[in-house]
PDB file of N, CA and C in Angstrom:
ATOM      1  N   MET A   1      46.727  -0.227  12.124  1.00  0.00           N
ATOM      2  CA  MET A   1      46.016   0.977  11.814  1.00  0.00           C
ATOM      3  C   MET A   1      45.151   0.806  10.556  1.00  0.00           C
ATOM      4  N   ALA A   2      45.727   0.106   9.557  1.00  0.00           N
ATOM      5  CA  ALA A   2      44.991  -0.122   8.310  1.00  0.00           C
ATOM      6  C   ALA A   2      43.745  -0.965   8.556  1.00  0.00           C
ATOM      7  N   LEU A   3      43.831  -1.946   9.444  1.00  0.00           N
ATOM      8  CA  LEU A   3      42.672  -2.777   9.763  1.00  0.00           C
ATOM      9  C   LEU A   3      41.564  -1.961  10.410  1.00  0.00           C
ATOM     10  N   LEU A   4      41.931  -1.047  11.282  1.00  0.00           N
ATOM     11  CA  LEU A   4      40.927  -0.184  11.910  1.00  0.00           C
ATOM     12  C   LEU A   4      40.236   0.695  10.881  1.00  0.00           C
ATOM     13  N   LEU A   5      40.992   1.220   9.934  1.00  0.00           N
ATOM     14  CA  LEU A   5      40.429   2.062   8.890  1.00  0.00           C
ATOM     15  C   LEU A   5      39.478   1.262   8.016  1.00  0.00           C
ATOM     16  N   VAL A   6      39.854   0.066   7.618  1.00  0.00           N
ATOM     17  CA  VAL A   6      38.988  -0.801   6.807  1.00  0.00           C
ATOM     18  C   VAL A   6      37.721  -1.141   7.579  1.00  0.00           C
ATOM     19  N   GLY A   7      37.856  -1.457   8.855  1.00  0.00           N
ATOM     20  CA  GLY A   7      36.695  -1.779   9.680  1.00  0.00           C
ATOM     21  C   GLY A   7      35.749  -0.604   9.814  1.00  0.00           C
ATOM     22  N   ALA A   8      36.288   0.590   9.993  1.00  0.00           N
ATOM     23  CA  ALA A   8      35.459   1.790  10.111  1.00  0.00           C
ATOM     24  C   ALA A   8      34.727   2.070   8.809  1.00  0.00           C
ATOM     25  N   LEU A   9      35.388   1.904   7.675  1.00  0.00           N
ATOM     26  CA  LEU A   9      34.743   2.132   6.377  1.00  0.00           C
ATOM     27  C   LEU A   9      33.655   1.100   6.106  1.00  0.00           C
ATOM     28  N   ALA A  10      33.908  -0.130   6.475  1.00  0.00           N
ATOM     29  CA  ALA A  10      32.906  -1.187   6.276  1.00  0.00           C
ATOM     30  C   ALA A  10      31.670  -0.909   7.119  1.00  0.00           C
ATOM     31  N   PHE A  11      31.869  -0.448   8.341  1.00  0.00           N
ATOM     32  CA  PHE A  11      30.748  -0.139   9.225  1.00  0.00           C
ATOM     33  C   PHE A  11      29.961   1.056   8.694  1.00  0.00           C
ATOM     34  N   ALA A  12      30.660   2.068   8.192  1.00  0.00           N
ATOM     35  CA  ALA A  12      30.004   3.271   7.677  1.00  0.00           C
ATOM     36  C   ALA A  12      29.231   2.980   6.403  1.00  0.00           C
ATOM     37  N   ALA A  13      29.625   1.965   5.651  1.00  0.00           N
ATOM     38  CA  ALA A  13      28.963   1.641   4.392  1.00  0.00           C
ATOM     39  C   ALA A  13      27.667   0.877   4.596  1.00  0.00           C
ATOM     40  N   CYS A  14      27.433   0.351   5.778  1.00  0.00           N
ATOM     41  CA  CYS A  14      26.217  -0.410   6.041  1.00  0.00           C
ATOM     42  C   CYS A  14      25.007   0.515   6.026  1.00  0.00           C
ATOM     43  N   GLU A  15      23.963   0.090   5.341  1.00  0.00           N
ATOM     44  CA  GLU A  15      22.720   0.857   5.330  1.00  0.00           C
ATOM     45  C   GLU A  15      21.900   0.486   6.546  1.00  0.00           C
ATOM     46  N   PRO A  16      21.152   1.444   7.089  1.00  0.00           N
ATOM     47  CA  PRO A  16      20.301   1.108   8.235  1.00  0.00           C
ATOM     48  C   PRO A  16      19.214   0.124   7.819  1.00  0.00           C
ATOM     49  N   GLU A  17      18.853  -0.749   8.720  1.00  0.00           N
ATOM     50  CA  GLU A  17      17.807  -1.718   8.426  1.00  0.00           C
ATOM     51  C   GLU A  17      16.462  -1.021   8.316  1.00  0.00           C
ATOM     52  N   GLU A  18      15.635  -1.509   7.378  1.00  0.00           N
ATOM     53  CA  GLU A  18      14.291  -0.984   7.227  1.00  0.00           C
ATOM     54  C   GLU A  18      13.412  -1.578   8.323  1.00  0.00           C
ATOM     55  N   THR A  19      12.657  -0.759   8.986  1.00  0.00           N
ATOM     56  CA  THR A  19      11.751  -1.275  10.002  1.00  0.00           C
ATOM     57  C   THR A  19      10.488  -1.786   9.326  1.00  0.00           C
ATOM     58  N   THR A  20      10.006  -2.908   9.789  1.00  0.00           N
ATOM     59  CA  THR A  20       8.805  -3.510   9.234  1.00  0.00           C
ATOM     60  C   THR A  20       7.580  -2.888   9.887  1.00  0.00           C
ATOM     61  N   VAL A  21       6.647  -2.479   9.056  1.00  0.00           N
ATOM     62  CA  VAL A  21       5.378  -1.932   9.525  1.00  0.00           C
ATOM     63  C   VAL A  21       4.393  -3.083   9.619  1.00  0.00           C
ATOM     64  N   VAL A  22       3.727  -3.233  10.740  1.00  0.00           N
ATOM     65  CA  VAL A  22       2.644  -4.205  10.856  1.00  0.00           C
ATOM     66  C   VAL A  22       1.359  -3.449  10.551  1.00  0.00           C
ATOM     67  N   VAL A  23       0.641  -3.891   9.514  1.00  0.00           N
ATOM     68  CA  VAL A  23      -0.557  -3.184   9.081  1.00  0.00           C
ATOM     69  C   VAL A  23      -1.604  -3.218  10.189  1.00  0.00           C
ATOM     70  N   ASP A  24      -2.105  -2.049  10.540  1.00  0.00           N
ATOM     71  CA  ASP A  24      -3.193  -1.902  11.498  1.00  0.00           C
ATOM     72  C   ASP A  24      -4.487  -1.836  10.695  1.00  0.00           C
ATOM     73  N   GLU A  25      -5.257  -2.923  10.698  1.00  0.00           N
ATOM     74  CA  GLU A  25      -6.476  -2.984   9.889  1.00  0.00           C
ATOM     75  C   GLU A  25      -7.488  -1.927  10.305  1.00  0.00           C
ATOM     76  N   ASP A  26      -7.536  -1.569  11.587  1.00  0.00           N
ATOM     77  CA  ASP A  26      -8.467  -0.528  12.030  1.00  0.00           C
ATOM     78  C   ASP A  26      -8.145   0.808  11.375  1.00  0.00           C
ATOM     79  N   LEU A  27      -6.854   1.101  11.181  1.00  0.00           N
ATOM     80  CA  LEU A  27      -6.468   2.340  10.510  1.00  0.00           C
ATOM     81  C   LEU A  27      -6.734   2.280   9.011  1.00  0.00           C
ATOM     82  N   LEU A  28      -6.759   1.084   8.454  1.00  0.00           N
ATOM     83  CA  LEU A  28      -6.963   0.920   7.017  1.00  0.00           C
ATOM     84  C   LEU A  28      -8.416   1.168   6.606  1.00  0.00           C
ATOM     85  N   ILE A  29      -9.345   0.851   7.487  1.00  0.00           N
ATOM     86  CA  ILE A  29     -10.776   0.994   7.176  1.00  0.00           C
ATOM     87  C   ILE A  29     -11.081   2.446   6.820  1.00  0.00           C
ATOM     88  N   GLY A  30     -11.750   2.650   5.691  1.00  0.00           N
ATOM     89  CA  GLY A  30     -12.127   3.992   5.257  1.00  0.00           C
ATOM     90  C   GLY A  30     -11.793   4.210   3.799  1.00  0.00           C
ATOM     91  N   THR A  31     -11.925   5.449   3.367  1.00  0.00           N
ATOM     92  CA  THR A  31     -11.684   5.813   1.975  1.00  0.00           C
ATOM     93  C   THR A  31     -10.389   6.603   1.868  1.00  0.00           C
ATOM     94  N   TRP A  32      -9.582   6.255   0.862  1.00  0.00           N
ATOM     95  CA  TRP A  32      -8.266   6.843   0.635  1.00  0.00           C
ATOM     96  C   TRP A  32      -8.179   7.329  -0.804  1.00  0.00           C
ATOM     97  N   TYR A  33      -7.440   8.404  -1.032  1.00  0.00           N
ATOM     98  CA  TYR A  33      -7.201   8.866  -2.402  1.00  0.00           C
ATOM     99  C   TYR A  33      -5.701   8.904  -2.672  1.00  0.00           C
ATOM    100  N   ALA A  34      -5.358   8.673  -3.935  1.00  0.00           N
ATOM    101  CA  ALA A  34      -3.954   8.593  -4.330  1.00  0.00           C
ATOM    102  C   ALA A  34      -3.323   9.974  -4.340  1.00  0.00           C
ATOM    103  N   ALA A  35      -2.144  10.080  -3.751  1.00  0.00           N
ATOM    104  CA  ALA A  35      -1.442  11.366  -3.661  1.00  0.00           C
ATOM    105  C   ALA A  35      -0.922  11.830  -5.020  1.00  0.00           C
ATOM    106  N   ASP A  36      -0.738  10.903  -5.966  1.00  0.00           N
ATOM    107  CA  ASP A  36      -0.137  11.287  -7.244  1.00  0.00           C
ATOM    108  C   ASP A  36      -1.137  11.761  -8.287  1.00  0.00           C
ATOM    109  N   ASN A  37      -2.454  11.545  -8.051  1.00  0.00           N
ATOM    110  CA  ASN A  37      -3.399  12.062  -9.049  1.00  0.00           C
ATOM    111  C   ASN A  37      -4.702  12.589  -8.438  1.00  0.00           C
ATOM    112  N   PHE A  38      -4.935  12.380  -7.168  1.00  0.00           N
ATOM    113  CA  PHE A  38      -6.087  12.918  -6.434  1.00  0.00           C
ATOM    114  C   PHE A  38      -7.441  12.523  -7.027  1.00  0.00           C
ATOM    115  N   GLN A  39      -7.456  11.557  -7.934  1.00  0.00           N
ATOM    116  CA  GLN A  39      -8.721  11.151  -8.539  1.00  0.00           C
ATOM    117  C   GLN A  39      -8.963   9.654  -8.413  1.00  0.00           C
ATOM    118  N   GLU A  40      -7.987   8.922  -7.912  1.00  0.00           N
ATOM    119  CA  GLU A  40      -8.110   7.476  -7.706  1.00  0.00           C
ATOM    120  C   GLU A  40      -8.424   7.230  -6.234  1.00  0.00           C
ATOM    121  N   TYR A  41      -9.483   6.478  -5.996  1.00  0.00           N
ATOM    122  CA  TYR A  41      -9.939   6.224  -4.631  1.00  0.00           C
ATOM    123  C   TYR A  41      -9.968   4.736  -4.334  1.00  0.00           C
ATOM    124  N   TRP A  42      -9.680   4.398  -3.082  1.00  0.00           N
ATOM    125  CA  TRP A  42      -9.764   3.031  -2.574  1.00  0.00           C
ATOM    126  C   TRP A  42     -10.547   3.090  -1.271  1.00  0.00           C
ATOM    127  N   ARG A  43     -11.607   2.268  -1.158  1.00  0.00           N
ATOM    128  CA  ARG A  43     -12.374   2.191   0.087  1.00  0.00           C
ATOM    129  C   ARG A  43     -12.246   0.786   0.660  1.00  0.00           C
ATOM    130  N   TYR A  44     -11.749   0.709   1.900  1.00  0.00           N
ATOM    131  CA  TYR A  44     -11.588  -0.555   2.608  1.00  0.00           C
ATOM    132  C   TYR A  44     -12.701  -0.653   3.648  1.00  0.00           C
ATOM    133  N   ASP A  45     -13.499  -1.719   3.563  1.00  0.00           N
ATOM    134  CA  ASP A  45     -14.603  -1.927   4.491  1.00  0.00           C
ATOM    135  C   ASP A  45     -14.199  -2.908   5.588  1.00  0.00           C
ATOM    136  N   MET A  46     -14.912  -2.861   6.714  1.00  0.00           N
ATOM    137  CA  MET A  46     -14.608  -3.738   7.848  1.00  0.00           C
ATOM    138  C   MET A  46     -14.786  -5.214   7.506  1.00  0.00           C
ATOM    139  N   THR A  47     -15.562  -5.511   6.491  1.00  0.00           N
ATOM    140  CA  THR A  47     -15.835  -6.897   6.101  1.00  0.00           C
ATOM    141  C   THR A  47     -14.756  -7.474   5.179  1.00  0.00           C
ATOM    142  N   HIS A  48     -13.617  -6.799   5.084  1.00  0.00           N
ATOM    143  CA  HIS A  48     -12.504  -7.197   4.217  1.00  0.00           C
ATOM    144  C   HIS A  48     -12.898  -7.185   2.746  1.00  0.00           C
ATOM    145  N   THR A  49     -13.813  -6.315   2.418  1.00  0.00           N
ATOM    146  CA  THR A  49     -14.191  -6.053   1.035  1.00  0.00           C
ATOM    147  C   THR A  49     -13.896  -4.579   0.772  1.00  0.00           C
ATOM    148  N   GLY A  50     -14.062  -4.149  -0.458  1.00  0.00           N
ATOM    149  CA  GLY A  50     -13.842  -2.746  -0.762  1.00  0.00           C
ATOM    150  C   GLY A  50     -14.172  -2.442  -2.198  1.00  0.00           C
ATOM    151  N   GLU A  51     -13.859  -1.210  -2.579  1.00  0.00           N
ATOM    152  CA  GLU A  51     -14.123  -0.753  -3.930  1.00  0.00           C
ATOM    153  C   GLU A  51     -13.063   0.271  -4.307  1.00  0.00           C
ATOM    154  N   THR A  52     -12.654   0.255  -5.562  1.00  0.00           N
ATOM    155  CA  THR A  52     -11.748   1.269  -6.085  1.00  0.00           C
ATOM    156  C   THR A  52     -12.385   1.904  -7.307  1.00  0.00           C
ATOM    157  N   TRP A  53     -12.177   3.215  -7.473  1.00  0.00           N
ATOM    158  CA  TRP A  53     -12.735   3.927  -8.615  1.00  0.00           C
ATOM    159  C   TRP A  53     -11.831   5.099  -8.956  1.00  0.00           C
ATOM    160  N   ASP A  54     -11.980   5.575 -10.192  1.00  0.00           N
ATOM    161  CA  ASP A  54     -11.154   6.669 -10.695  1.00  0.00           C
ATOM    162  C   ASP A  54     -12.081   7.696 -11.329  1.00  0.00           C
ATOM    163  N   VAL A  55     -12.233   8.839 -10.680  1.00  0.00           N
ATOM    164  CA  VAL A  55     -13.167   9.858 -11.178  1.00  0.00           C
ATOM    165  C   VAL A  55     -12.681  10.478 -12.486  1.00  0.00           C
ATOM    166  N   SER A  56     -11.375  10.381 -12.800  1.00  0.00           N
ATOM    167  CA  SER A  56     -10.887  10.898 -14.084  1.00  0.00           C
ATOM    168  C   SER A  56     -11.415  10.064 -15.245  1.00  0.00           C
ATOM    169  N   GLU A  57     -11.844   8.833 -14.949  1.00  0.00           N
ATOM    170  CA  GLU A  57     -12.450   7.968 -15.968  1.00  0.00           C
ATOM    171  C   GLU A  57     -13.970   7.984 -15.850  1.00  0.00           C
ATOM    172  N   ASP A  58     -14.502   8.994 -15.158  1.00  0.00           N
ATOM    173  CA  ASP A  58     -15.935   9.184 -14.958  1.00  0.00           C
ATOM    174  C   ASP A  58     -16.581   8.003 -14.230  1.00  0.00           C
ATOM    175  N   VAL A  59     -15.843   7.416 -13.297  1.00  0.00           N
ATOM    176  CA  VAL A  59     -16.349   6.331 -12.466  1.00  0.00           C
ATOM    177  C   VAL A  59     -16.465   6.878 -11.048  1.00  0.00           C
ATOM    178  N   GLN A  60     -17.645   6.753 -10.476  1.00  0.00           N
ATOM    179  CA  GLN A  60     -17.915   7.271  -9.137  1.00  0.00           C
ATOM    180  C   GLN A  60     -18.034   6.114  -8.147  1.00  0.00           C
ATOM    181  N   GLU A  61     -18.027   6.456  -6.876  1.00  0.00           N
ATOM    182  CA  GLU A  61     -18.227   5.449  -5.835  1.00  0.00           C
ATOM    183  C   GLU A  61     -19.546   4.736  -6.094  1.00  0.00           C
ATOM    184  N   GLY A  62     -19.537   3.428  -5.958  1.00  0.00           N
ATOM    185  CA  GLY A  62     -20.714   2.617  -6.260  1.00  0.00           C
ATOM    186  C   GLY A  62     -20.687   2.046  -7.667  1.00  0.00           C
ATOM    187  N   GLU A  63     -19.801   2.576  -8.523  1.00  0.00           N
ATOM    188  CA  GLU A  63     -19.662   2.106  -9.905  1.00  0.00           C
ATOM    189  C   GLU A  63     -18.291   1.467 -10.150  1.00  0.00           C
ATOM    190  N   GLY A  64     -17.455   1.426  -9.133  1.00  0.00           N
ATOM    191  CA  GLY A  64     -16.071   0.995  -9.295  1.00  0.00           C
ATOM    192  C   GLY A  64     -15.886  -0.506  -9.272  1.00  0.00           C
ATOM    193  N   THR A  65     -14.652  -0.908  -9.161  1.00  0.00           N
ATOM    194  CA  THR A  65     -14.261  -2.313  -9.128  1.00  0.00           C
ATOM    195  C   THR A  65     -14.246  -2.790  -7.682  1.00  0.00           C
ATOM    196  N   ARG A  66     -14.949  -3.875  -7.416  1.00  0.00           N
ATOM    197  CA  ARG A  66     -15.009  -4.453  -6.071  1.00  0.00           C
ATOM    198  C   ARG A  66     -13.769  -5.313  -5.836  1.00  0.00           C
ATOM    199  N   PHE A  67     -13.405  -5.447  -4.560  1.00  0.00           N
ATOM    200  CA  PHE A  67     -12.261  -6.287  -4.222  1.00  0.00           C
ATOM    201  C   PHE A  67     -12.401  -6.820  -2.801  1.00  0.00           C
ATOM    202  N   ASN A  68     -11.673  -7.887  -2.539  1.00  0.00           N
ATOM    203  CA  ASN A  68     -11.451  -8.385  -1.183  1.00  0.00           C
ATOM    204  C   ASN A  68     -10.036  -7.997  -0.800  1.00  0.00           C
ATOM    205  N   TRP A  69      -9.788  -7.845   0.484  1.00  0.00           N
ATOM    206  CA  TRP A  69      -8.443  -7.519   0.937  1.00  0.00           C
ATOM    207  C   TRP A  69      -8.112  -8.312   2.192  1.00  0.00           C
ATOM    208  N   SER A  70      -6.814  -8.522   2.392  1.00  0.00           N
ATOM    209  CA  SER A  70      -6.333  -9.197   3.594  1.00  0.00           C
ATOM    210  C   SER A  70      -4.937  -8.665   3.906  1.00  0.00           C
ATOM    211  N   THR A  71      -4.524  -8.847   5.157  1.00  0.00           N
ATOM    212  CA  THR A  71      -3.199  -8.398   5.578  1.00  0.00           C
ATOM    213  C   THR A  71      -2.493  -9.516   6.333  1.00  0.00           C
ATOM    214  N   THR A  72      -1.193  -9.533   6.231  1.00  0.00           N
ATOM    215  CA  THR A  72      -0.311 -10.389   7.024  1.00  0.00           C
ATOM    216  C   THR A  72       0.928  -9.572   7.312  1.00  0.00           C
ATOM    217  N   GLU A  73       1.107  -9.196   8.563  1.00  0.00           N
ATOM    218  CA  GLU A  73       2.215  -8.340   9.001  1.00  0.00           C
ATOM    219  C   GLU A  73       2.270  -7.077   8.153  1.00  0.00           C
ATOM    220  N   ASP A  74       3.302  -6.916   7.290  1.00  0.00           N
ATOM    221  CA  ASP A  74       3.399  -5.697   6.483  1.00  0.00           C
ATOM    222  C   ASP A  74       2.836  -5.866   5.073  1.00  0.00           C
ATOM    223  N   GLN A  75       2.185  -6.995   4.810  1.00  0.00           N
ATOM    224  CA  GLN A  75       1.663  -7.288   3.472  1.00  0.00           C
ATOM    225  C   GLN A  75       0.169  -6.969   3.373  1.00  0.00           C
ATOM    226  N   LEU A  76      -0.197  -6.345   2.259  1.00  0.00           N
ATOM    227  CA  LEU A  76      -1.596  -6.066   1.930  1.00  0.00           C
ATOM    228  C   LEU A  76      -1.886  -6.755   0.611  1.00  0.00           C
ATOM    229  N   ARG A  77      -2.840  -7.682   0.611  1.00  0.00           N
ATOM    230  CA  ARG A  77      -3.224  -8.393  -0.607  1.00  0.00           C
ATOM    231  C   ARG A  77      -4.583  -7.883  -1.051  1.00  0.00           C
ATOM    232  N   ILE A  78      -4.667  -7.516  -2.327  1.00  0.00           N
ATOM    233  CA  ILE A  78      -5.906  -7.041  -2.945  1.00  0.00           C
ATOM    234  C   ILE A  78      -6.322  -8.079  -3.990  1.00  0.00           C
ATOM    235  N   ASP A  79      -7.568  -8.520  -3.923  1.00  0.00           N
ATOM    236  CA  ASP A  79      -8.146  -9.455  -4.898  1.00  0.00           C
ATOM    237  C   ASP A  79      -9.253  -8.707  -5.631  1.00  0.00           C
ATOM    238  N   LEU A  80      -8.898  -8.120  -6.799  1.00  0.00           N
ATOM    239  CA  LEU A  80      -9.859  -7.363  -7.599  1.00  0.00           C
ATOM    240  C   LEU A  80     -10.750  -8.309  -8.390  1.00  0.00           C
ATOM    241  N   PHE A  81     -12.025  -7.966  -8.486  1.00  0.00           N
ATOM    242  CA  PHE A  81     -12.984  -8.743  -9.263  1.00  0.00           C
ATOM    243  C   PHE A  81     -13.162  -8.071 -10.620  1.00  0.00           C
ATOM    244  N   GLY A  82     -12.717  -8.740 -11.677  1.00  0.00           N
ATOM    245  CA  GLY A  82     -12.844  -8.193 -13.018  1.00  0.00           C
ATOM    246  C   GLY A  82     -14.272  -8.252 -13.535  1.00  0.00           C
ATOM    247  N   GLN A  83     -14.531  -7.522 -14.608  1.00  0.00           N
ATOM    248  CA  GLN A  83     -15.871  -7.457 -15.198  1.00  0.00           C
ATOM    249  C   GLN A  83     -16.334  -8.798 -15.744  1.00  0.00           C
ATOM    250  N   MET A  84     -15.400  -9.662 -16.091  1.00  0.00           N
ATOM    251  CA  MET A  84     -15.749 -10.973 -16.644  1.00  0.00           C
ATOM    252  C   MET A  84     -15.675 -12.058 -15.572  1.00  0.00           C
ATOM    253  N   GLY A  85     -15.608 -11.670 -14.305  1.00  0.00           N
ATOM    254  CA  GLY A  85     -15.588 -12.625 -13.210  1.00  0.00           C
ATOM    255  C   GLY A  85     -14.199 -13.106 -12.813  1.00  0.00           C
ATOM    256  N   GLN A  86     -13.173 -12.607 -13.481  1.00  0.00           N
ATOM    257  CA  GLN A  86     -11.814 -13.035 -13.154  1.00  0.00           C
ATOM    258  C   GLN A  86     -11.336 -12.340 -11.869  1.00  0.00           C
ATOM    259  N   HIS A  87     -10.352 -12.959 -11.232  1.00  0.00           N
ATOM    260  CA  HIS A  87      -9.724 -12.397 -10.044  1.00  0.00           C
ATOM    261  C   HIS A  87      -8.312 -11.960 -10.404  1.00  0.00           C
ATOM    262  N   VAL A  88      -7.964 -10.756 -10.010  1.00  0.00           N
ATOM    263  CA  VAL A  88      -6.626 -10.234 -10.240  1.00  0.00           C
ATOM    264  C   VAL A  88      -6.051  -9.884  -8.875  1.00  0.00           C
ATOM    265  N   TYR A  89      -4.932 -10.540  -8.529  1.00  0.00           N
ATOM    266  CA  TYR A  89      -4.330 -10.362  -7.213  1.00  0.00           C
ATOM    267  C   TYR A  89      -3.165  -9.385  -7.284  1.00  0.00           C
ATOM    268  N   TYR A  90      -3.094  -8.524  -6.278  1.00  0.00           N
ATOM    269  CA  TYR A  90      -1.979  -7.594  -6.128  1.00  0.00           C
ATOM    270  C   TYR A  90      -1.472  -7.711  -4.699  1.00  0.00           C
ATOM    271  N   ASP A  91      -0.170  -7.810  -4.554  1.00  0.00           N
ATOM    272  CA  ASP A  91       0.457  -7.863  -3.235  1.00  0.00           C
ATOM    273  C   ASP A  91       1.312  -6.612  -3.055  1.00  0.00           C
ATOM    274  N   TYR A  92       1.096  -5.941  -1.942  1.00  0.00           N
ATOM    275  CA  TYR A  92       1.823  -4.718  -1.627  1.00  0.00           C
ATOM    276  C   TYR A  92       2.491  -4.855  -0.266  1.00  0.00           C
ATOM    277  N   THR A  93       3.628  -4.208  -0.117  1.00  0.00           N
ATOM    278  CA  THR A  93       4.288  -4.107   1.178  1.00  0.00           C
ATOM    279  C   THR A  93       3.999  -2.718   1.719  1.00  0.00           C
ATOM    280  N   VAL A  94       3.358  -2.654   2.869  1.00  0.00           N
ATOM    281  CA  VAL A  94       3.061  -1.365   3.487  1.00  0.00           C
ATOM    282  C   VAL A  94       4.333  -0.883   4.166  1.00  0.00           C
ATOM    283  N   THR A  95       4.811   0.271   3.731  1.00  0.00           N
ATOM    284  CA  THR A  95       6.063   0.810   4.267  1.00  0.00           C
ATOM    285  C   THR A  95       5.833   1.923   5.280  1.00  0.00           C
ATOM    286  N   ASP A  96       4.631   2.498   5.288  1.00  0.00           N
ATOM    287  CA  ASP A  96       4.303   3.538   6.262  1.00  0.00           C
ATOM    288  C   ASP A  96       2.785   3.595   6.404  1.00  0.00           C
ATOM    289  N   GLN A  97       2.320   3.634   7.632  1.00  0.00           N
ATOM    290  CA  GLN A  97       0.887   3.727   7.883  1.00  0.00           C
ATOM    291  C   GLN A  97       0.637   4.637   9.078  1.00  0.00           C
ATOM    292  N   LYS A  98      -0.168   5.651   8.821  1.00  0.00           N
ATOM    293  CA  LYS A  98      -0.595   6.578   9.866  1.00  0.00           C
ATOM    294  C   LYS A  98      -2.111   6.720   9.749  1.00  0.00           C
ATOM    295  N   ALA A  99      -2.728   7.423  10.674  1.00  0.00           N
ATOM    296  CA  ALA A  99      -4.177   7.618  10.622  1.00  0.00           C
ATOM    297  C   ALA A  99      -4.597   8.372   9.366  1.00  0.00           C
ATOM    298  N   SER A 100      -3.720   9.240   8.848  1.00  0.00           N
ATOM    299  CA  SER A 100      -4.100  10.068   7.701  1.00  0.00           C
ATOM    300  C   SER A 100      -3.353   9.741   6.414  1.00  0.00           C
ATOM    301  N   SER A 101      -2.381   8.811   6.442  1.00  0.00           N
ATOM    302  CA  SER A 101      -1.639   8.472   5.229  1.00  0.00           C
ATOM    303  C   SER A 101      -1.225   7.002   5.235  1.00  0.00           C
ATOM    304  N   LEU A 102      -1.064   6.479   4.033  1.00  0.00           N
ATOM    305  CA  LEU A 102      -0.698   5.076   3.828  1.00  0.00           C
ATOM    306  C   LEU A 102       0.243   5.023   2.631  1.00  0.00           C
ATOM    307  N   THR A 103       1.383   4.358   2.788  1.00  0.00           N
ATOM    308  CA  THR A 103       2.311   4.186   1.672  1.00  0.00           C
ATOM    309  C   THR A 103       2.575   2.707   1.487  1.00  0.00           C
ATOM    310  N   TRP A 104       2.477   2.269   0.237  1.00  0.00           N
ATOM    311  CA  TRP A 104       2.777   0.878  -0.073  1.00  0.00           C
ATOM    312  C   TRP A 104       3.785   0.812  -1.216  1.00  0.00           C
ATOM    313  N   ARG A 105       4.453  -0.349  -1.317  1.00  0.00           N
ATOM    314  CA  ARG A 105       5.414  -0.610  -2.386  1.00  0.00           C
ATOM    315  C   ARG A 105       4.975  -1.885  -3.090  1.00  0.00           C
ATOM    316  N   ASP A 106       4.945  -1.842  -4.432  1.00  0.00           N
ATOM    317  CA  ASP A 106       4.559  -3.032  -5.187  1.00  0.00           C
ATOM    318  C   ASP A 106       5.774  -3.925  -5.412  1.00  0.00           C
ATOM    319  N   SER A 107       5.559  -5.051  -6.086  1.00  0.00           N
ATOM    320  CA  SER A 107       6.636  -6.031  -6.286  1.00  0.00           C
ATOM    321  C   SER A 107       7.724  -5.523  -7.230  1.00  0.00           C
ATOM    322  N   TYR A 108       7.473  -4.419  -7.935  1.00  0.00           N
ATOM    323  CA  TYR A 108       8.473  -3.824  -8.818  1.00  0.00           C
ATOM    324  C   TYR A 108       9.281  -2.730  -8.113  1.00  0.00           C
ATOM    325  N   GLY A 109       8.959  -2.462  -6.840  1.00  0.00           N
ATOM    326  CA  GLY A 109       9.674  -1.444  -6.082  1.00  0.00           C
ATOM    327  C   GLY A 109       9.075  -0.055  -6.183  1.00  0.00           C
ATOM    328  N   ASN A 110       7.936   0.082  -6.872  1.00  0.00           N
ATOM    329  CA  ASN A 110       7.274   1.378  -7.005  1.00  0.00           C
ATOM    330  C   ASN A 110       6.463   1.680  -5.748  1.00  0.00           C
ATOM    331  N   SER A 111       6.611   2.884  -5.221  1.00  0.00           N
ATOM    332  CA  SER A 111       5.864   3.285  -4.026  1.00  0.00           C
ATOM    333  C   SER A 111       4.742   4.241  -4.389  1.00  0.00           C
ATOM    334  N   ARG A 112       3.648   4.128  -3.640  1.00  0.00           N
ATOM    335  CA  ARG A 112       2.523   5.052  -3.791  1.00  0.00           C
ATOM    336  C   ARG A 112       2.042   5.444  -2.407  1.00  0.00           C
ATOM    337  N   THR A 113       1.619   6.677  -2.286  1.00  0.00           N
ATOM    338  CA  THR A 113       1.081   7.174  -1.025  1.00  0.00           C
ATOM    339  C   THR A 113      -0.366   7.567  -1.232  1.00  0.00           C
ATOM    340  N   PHE A 114      -1.174   7.279  -0.224  1.00  0.00           N
ATOM    341  CA  PHE A 114      -2.592   7.607  -0.218  1.00  0.00           C
ATOM    342  C   PHE A 114      -2.917   8.396   1.035  1.00  0.00           C
ATOM    343  N   TYR A 115      -3.928   9.257   0.927  1.00  0.00           N
ATOM    344  CA  TYR A 115      -4.372  10.043   2.075  1.00  0.00           C
ATOM    345  C   TYR A 115      -5.835   9.735   2.376  1.00  0.00           C
ATOM    346  N   ARG A 116      -6.161   9.804   3.645  1.00  0.00           N
ATOM    347  CA  ARG A 116      -7.546   9.531   4.063  1.00  0.00           C
ATOM    348  C   ARG A 116      -8.452  10.653   3.571  1.00  0.00           C
ATOM    349  N   LYS A 117      -9.577  10.254   3.032  1.00  0.00           N
ATOM    350  CA  LYS A 117     -10.557  11.214   2.552  1.00  0.00           C
ATOM    351  C   LYS A 117     -11.326  11.781   3.723  1.00  0.00           C
TER     352      LYS A 117
END
């Protein structure tokens, strides 16, 4: 009886597995704004390029930071082009993707959600 109880508790303690999202690049194309401040924008173009800008810093579309992007399964890689010509890479795990929303997690475990403009 004790073995059955231990087995039941061990089974109940297991966390459900996280399902892996495969990034749909067609859904990614377009302009997105950050849900946490509504002033940060990311635009993904079909040519795997894009631009990010923050209107709270008085930066408008066309004045922002350019980037290249790529995907592999649930990974989104952003290659930002700095003002001095440097490249800054960011890798995100896409945890949820819909036609109107996108959620990613950075390497520190922080999640952010974006909505389609």
